[in-house]
Amino acid sequence: MASGIKPSDSCLTVYNSIKMNHSHPYAIFTINTTTNEIDIYKLANPGSTHKDFMDDMRKLESEGCFAVLDYCPPGARTNNLGFISWVNDKLPVRRRMLYASSKDGLRRSLEGIKFCIHASEMEDLTEESMTQAVASACKSTR
């Protein structure tokens, strides 16, 4: 089921900048129901930490969002691009459905994603969860 909501051009530009230049540790996107587009909510400053990411995601706990994370697990040598769908189970059904039906369209437009996480509670967004998702993705590509 597709919502008809597409990523804005600026979303794709930001994603490609993160992918090619590792210019920002993460970007957060939200659905703009006025324009029927997925727009940039926040582009993290270089040097932002996982704690900053968690703080930003906590702010969207009552709204929902998507995020792209340029993540380097502890002890790893390379970064991995991750796609996160953050839709709290406590959101109204209509809001959850809107994000669920828009997720695949955005995800397909982002080439090079290494791991995906569907988070429904804050514990799904911890650094440990990210590391496990990267490890699972690496095992499945061998």
C-alpha atoms as a PDB file:
ATOM      1  CA  MET A   1       0.000   0.000   0.000  1.00  0.00           C
ATOM      2  CA  ALA A   2       1.556   3.295  -1.088  1.00  0.00           C
ATOM      3  CA  SER A   3       0.553   6.656   0.329  1.00  0.00           C
ATOM      4  CA  GLY A   4       1.509   8.710  -2.721  1.00  0.00           C
ATOM      5  CA  ILE A   5       3.849  10.740  -0.512  1.00  0.00           C
ATOM      6  CA  LYS A   6       7.261  11.060  -2.124  1.00  0.00           C
ATOM      7  CA  PRO A   7      10.612  12.312  -0.851  1.00  0.00           C
ATOM      8  CA  SER A   8      11.397  15.924  -1.685  1.00  0.00           C
ATOM      9  CA  ASP A   9      14.393  16.683  -3.905  1.00  0.00           C
ATOM     10  CA  SER A  10      16.178  18.135  -0.866  1.00  0.00           C
ATOM     11  CA  CYS A  11      15.860  14.775   0.939  1.00  0.00           C
ATOM     12  CA  LEU A  12      17.630  13.010  -1.886  1.00  0.00           C
ATOM     13  CA  THR A  13      20.304  15.715  -2.111  1.00  0.00           C
ATOM     14  CA  VAL A  14      21.022  15.456   1.611  1.00  0.00           C
ATOM     15  CA  TYR A  15      21.114  11.661   1.458  1.00  0.00           C
ATOM     16  CA  ASN A  16      23.598  11.697  -1.434  1.00  0.00           C
ATOM     17  CA  SER A  17      25.794  14.175   0.444  1.00  0.00           C
ATOM     18  CA  ILE A  18      25.845  11.899   3.486  1.00  0.00           C
ATOM     19  CA  LYS A  19      26.494   8.844   1.310  1.00  0.00           C
ATOM     20  CA  MET A  20      29.251  10.308  -0.852  1.00  0.00           C
ATOM     21  CA  ASN A  21      30.945  12.796   1.487  1.00  0.00           C
ATOM     22  CA  HIS A  22      30.085  11.491   4.959  1.00  0.00           C
ATOM     23  CA  SER A  23      29.276  15.156   5.590  1.00  0.00           C
ATOM     24  CA  HIS A  24      26.789  14.646   8.427  1.00  0.00           C
ATOM     25  CA  PRO A  25      26.274  11.776  10.866  1.00  0.00           C
ATOM     26  CA  TYR A  26      22.513  11.687  10.303  1.00  0.00           C
ATOM     27  CA  ALA A  27      19.476  13.341   8.788  1.00  0.00           C
ATOM     28  CA  ILE A  28      15.894  13.136   9.999  1.00  0.00           C
ATOM     29  CA  PHE A  29      12.870  13.362   7.706  1.00  0.00           C
ATOM     30  CA  THR A  30       9.188  13.896   8.500  1.00  0.00           C
ATOM     31  CA  ILE A  31       6.031  13.780   6.418  1.00  0.00           C
ATOM     32  CA  ASN A  32       4.623  17.155   5.437  1.00  0.00           C
ATOM     33  CA  THR A  33       0.913  16.512   4.887  1.00  0.00           C
ATOM     34  CA  THR A  34       0.461  19.976   3.342  1.00  0.00           C
ATOM     35  CA  THR A  35       2.839  19.314   0.444  1.00  0.00           C
ATOM     36  CA  ASN A  36       2.470  15.507   0.474  1.00  0.00           C
ATOM     37  CA  GLU A  37       6.239  15.165   0.588  1.00  0.00           C
ATOM     38  CA  ILE A  38       8.821  13.781   2.933  1.00  0.00           C
ATOM     39  CA  ASP A  39      10.927  16.770   4.000  1.00  0.00           C
ATOM     40  CA  ILE A  40      14.100  17.338   5.968  1.00  0.00           C
ATOM     41  CA  TYR A  41      13.355  17.850   9.653  1.00  0.00           C
ATOM     42  CA  LYS A  42      16.970  18.048  10.806  1.00  0.00           C
ATOM     43  CA  LEU A  43      20.411  17.682   9.319  1.00  0.00           C
ATOM     44  CA  ALA A  44      22.846  16.874  12.118  1.00  0.00           C
ATOM     45  CA  ASN A  45      25.928  18.978  12.569  1.00  0.00           C
ATOM     46  CA  PRO A  46      29.243  17.263  11.856  1.00  0.00           C
ATOM     47  CA  GLY A  47      30.494  15.836  15.122  1.00  0.00           C
ATOM     48  CA  SER A  48      27.017  15.070  16.471  1.00  0.00           C
ATOM     49  CA  THR A  49      26.967  11.965  18.643  1.00  0.00           C
ATOM     50  CA  HIS A  50      24.617   9.032  19.073  1.00  0.00           C
ATOM     51  CA  LYS A  51      23.320  10.770  22.208  1.00  0.00           C
ATOM     52  CA  ASP A  52      22.398  13.781  20.038  1.00  0.00           C
ATOM     53  CA  PHE A  53      20.623  11.411  17.657  1.00  0.00           C
ATOM     54  CA  MET A  54      18.672   9.831  20.523  1.00  0.00           C
ATOM     55  CA  ASP A  55      17.711  13.284  21.845  1.00  0.00           C
ATOM     56  CA  ASP A  56      16.435  14.315  18.411  1.00  0.00           C
ATOM     57  CA  MET A  57      14.469  11.097  18.000  1.00  0.00           C
ATOM     58  CA  ARG A  58      12.951  11.508  21.462  1.00  0.00           C
ATOM     59  CA  LYS A  59      11.589  14.900  20.338  1.00  0.00           C
ATOM     60  CA  LEU A  60       9.692  13.097  17.562  1.00  0.00           C
ATOM     61  CA  GLU A  61       8.286  10.347  19.765  1.00  0.00           C
ATOM     62  CA  SER A  62       4.766  11.770  19.392  1.00  0.00           C
ATOM     63  CA  GLU A  63       5.049  12.420  15.647  1.00  0.00           C
ATOM     64  CA  GLY A  64       7.106   9.728  13.924  1.00  0.00           C
ATOM     65  CA  CYS A  65       9.899  10.152  11.396  1.00  0.00           C
ATOM     66  CA  PHE A  66      12.435   8.525   9.122  1.00  0.00           C
ATOM     67  CA  ALA A  67      16.189   8.879   9.518  1.00  0.00           C
ATOM     68  CA  VAL A  68      19.347   8.094   7.617  1.00  0.00           C
ATOM     69  CA  LEU A  69      22.351   7.342   9.774  1.00  0.00           C
ATOM     70  CA  ASP A  70      25.997   7.207   8.705  1.00  0.00           C
ATOM     71  CA  TYR A  71      26.968   4.761  11.417  1.00  0.00           C
ATOM     72  CA  CYS A  72      30.339   3.277  12.311  1.00  0.00           C
ATOM     73  CA  PRO A  73      30.007   0.510  14.914  1.00  0.00           C
ATOM     74  CA  PRO A  74      32.548   0.494  17.749  1.00  0.00           C
ATOM     75  CA  GLY A  75      35.743  -1.173  16.549  1.00  0.00           C
ATOM     76  CA  ALA A  76      34.757  -1.051  12.864  1.00  0.00           C
ATOM     77  CA  ARG A  77      36.781   0.642  10.146  1.00  0.00           C
ATOM     78  CA  THR A  78      33.978   1.632   7.820  1.00  0.00           C
ATOM     79  CA  ASN A  79      30.705   3.477   8.096  1.00  0.00           C
ATOM     80  CA  ASN A  80      27.394   1.876   7.196  1.00  0.00           C
ATOM     81  CA  LEU A  81      24.357   3.749   5.937  1.00  0.00           C
ATOM     82  CA  GLY A  82      21.237   2.886   7.848  1.00  0.00           C
ATOM     83  CA  PHE A  83      17.576   3.656   7.278  1.00  0.00           C
ATOM     84  CA  ILE A  84      15.372   4.037  10.329  1.00  0.00           C
ATOM     85  CA  SER A  85      11.623   4.217  10.519  1.00  0.00           C
ATOM     86  CA  TRP A  86      10.658   5.599  13.961  1.00  0.00           C
ATOM     87  CA  VAL A  87       6.948   5.091  14.585  1.00  0.00           C
ATOM     88  CA  ASN A  88       5.996   4.813  18.238  1.00  0.00           C
ATOM     89  CA  ASP A  89       3.302   2.236  18.988  1.00  0.00           C
ATOM     90  CA  LYS A  90       1.448   4.936  20.940  1.00  0.00           C
ATOM     91  CA  LEU A  91       0.857   7.110  17.861  1.00  0.00           C
ATOM     92  CA  PRO A  92      -2.683   7.325  16.498  1.00  0.00           C
ATOM     93  CA  VAL A  93      -3.454   4.578  13.987  1.00  0.00           C
ATOM     94  CA  ARG A  94      -3.825   7.035  11.096  1.00  0.00           C
ATOM     95  CA  ARG A  95      -0.347   8.482  11.738  1.00  0.00           C
ATOM     96  CA  ARG A  96       1.219   5.014  11.985  1.00  0.00           C
ATOM     97  CA  MET A  97      -0.461   3.979   8.731  1.00  0.00           C
ATOM     98  CA  LEU A  98       0.783   7.132   6.971  1.00  0.00           C
ATOM     99  CA  TYR A  99       4.387   6.374   7.915  1.00  0.00           C
ATOM    100  CA  ALA A 100       4.039   2.657   7.168  1.00  0.00           C
ATOM    101  CA  SER A 101       2.632   3.313   3.697  1.00  0.00           C
ATOM    102  CA  SER A 102       5.316   5.926   2.884  1.00  0.00           C
ATOM    103  CA  LYS A 103       8.340   4.002   4.159  1.00  0.00           C
ATOM    104  CA  ASP A 104       9.024   1.745   1.164  1.00  0.00           C
ATOM    105  CA  GLY A 105       8.875   4.575  -1.367  1.00  0.00           C
ATOM    106  CA  LEU A 106      11.478   6.563   0.538  1.00  0.00           C
ATOM    107  CA  ARG A 107      13.632   3.525   1.253  1.00  0.00           C
ATOM    108  CA  ARG A 108      13.707   2.484  -2.425  1.00  0.00           C
ATOM    109  CA  SER A 109      14.870   5.954  -3.459  1.00  0.00           C
ATOM    110  CA  LEU A 110      17.935   5.723  -1.188  1.00  0.00           C
ATOM    111  CA  GLU A 111      20.541   3.557  -2.906  1.00  0.00           C
ATOM    112  CA  GLY A 112      23.314   2.070  -0.795  1.00  0.00           C
ATOM    113  CA  ILE A 113      21.477   1.513   2.484  1.00  0.00           C
ATOM    114  CA  LYS A 114      23.270  -1.234   4.437  1.00  0.00           C
ATOM    115  CA  PHE A 115      20.819  -1.815   7.297  1.00  0.00           C
ATOM    116  CA  CYS A 116      17.224  -0.978   8.196  1.00  0.00           C
ATOM    117  CA  ILE A 117      15.551  -0.633  11.560  1.00  0.00           C
ATOM    118  CA  HIS A 118      11.869  -0.250  12.274  1.00  0.00           C
ATOM    119  CA  ALA A 119      11.752   1.331  15.728  1.00  0.00           C
ATOM    120  CA  SER A 120       8.573   1.378  17.767  1.00  0.00           C
ATOM    121  CA  GLU A 121      10.157   2.299  21.104  1.00  0.00           C
ATOM    122  CA  MET A 122      13.276   4.214  22.155  1.00  0.00           C
ATOM    123  CA  GLU A 123      15.130   0.997  23.050  1.00  0.00           C
ATOM    124  CA  ASP A 124      15.102   0.113  19.340  1.00  0.00           C
ATOM    125  CA  LEU A 125      17.295   3.165  18.654  1.00  0.00           C
ATOM    126  CA  THR A 126      20.173   2.491  21.032  1.00  0.00           C
ATOM    127  CA  GLU A 127      23.725   2.164  19.807  1.00  0.00           C
ATOM    128  CA  GLU A 128      23.576  -1.532  20.701  1.00  0.00           C
ATOM    129  CA  SER A 129      20.546  -1.964  18.406  1.00  0.00           C
ATOM    130  CA  MET A 130      22.394  -0.209  15.571  1.00  0.00           C
ATOM    131  CA  THR A 131      25.452  -2.413  16.043  1.00  0.00           C
ATOM    132  CA  GLN A 132      23.287  -5.558  15.995  1.00  0.00           C
ATOM    133  CA  ALA A 133      21.515  -4.376  12.828  1.00  0.00           C
ATOM    134  CA  VAL A 134      24.852  -3.774  11.085  1.00  0.00           C
ATOM    135  CA  ALA A 135      26.135  -7.192  12.194  1.00  0.00           C
ATOM    136  CA  SER A 136      22.969  -8.881  10.900  1.00  0.00           C
ATOM    137  CA  ALA A 137      23.212  -7.037   7.582  1.00  0.00           C
ATOM    138  CA  CYS A 138      26.854  -8.046   7.175  1.00  0.00           C
ATOM    139  CA  LYS A 139      26.059 -11.715   7.872  1.00  0.00           C
ATOM    140  CA  SER A 140      23.236 -11.750   5.337  1.00  0.00           C
ATOM    141  CA  THR A 141      25.489 -10.421   2.555  1.00  0.00           C
ATOM    142  CA  ARG A 142      28.142 -13.109   2.959  1.00  0.00           C
END
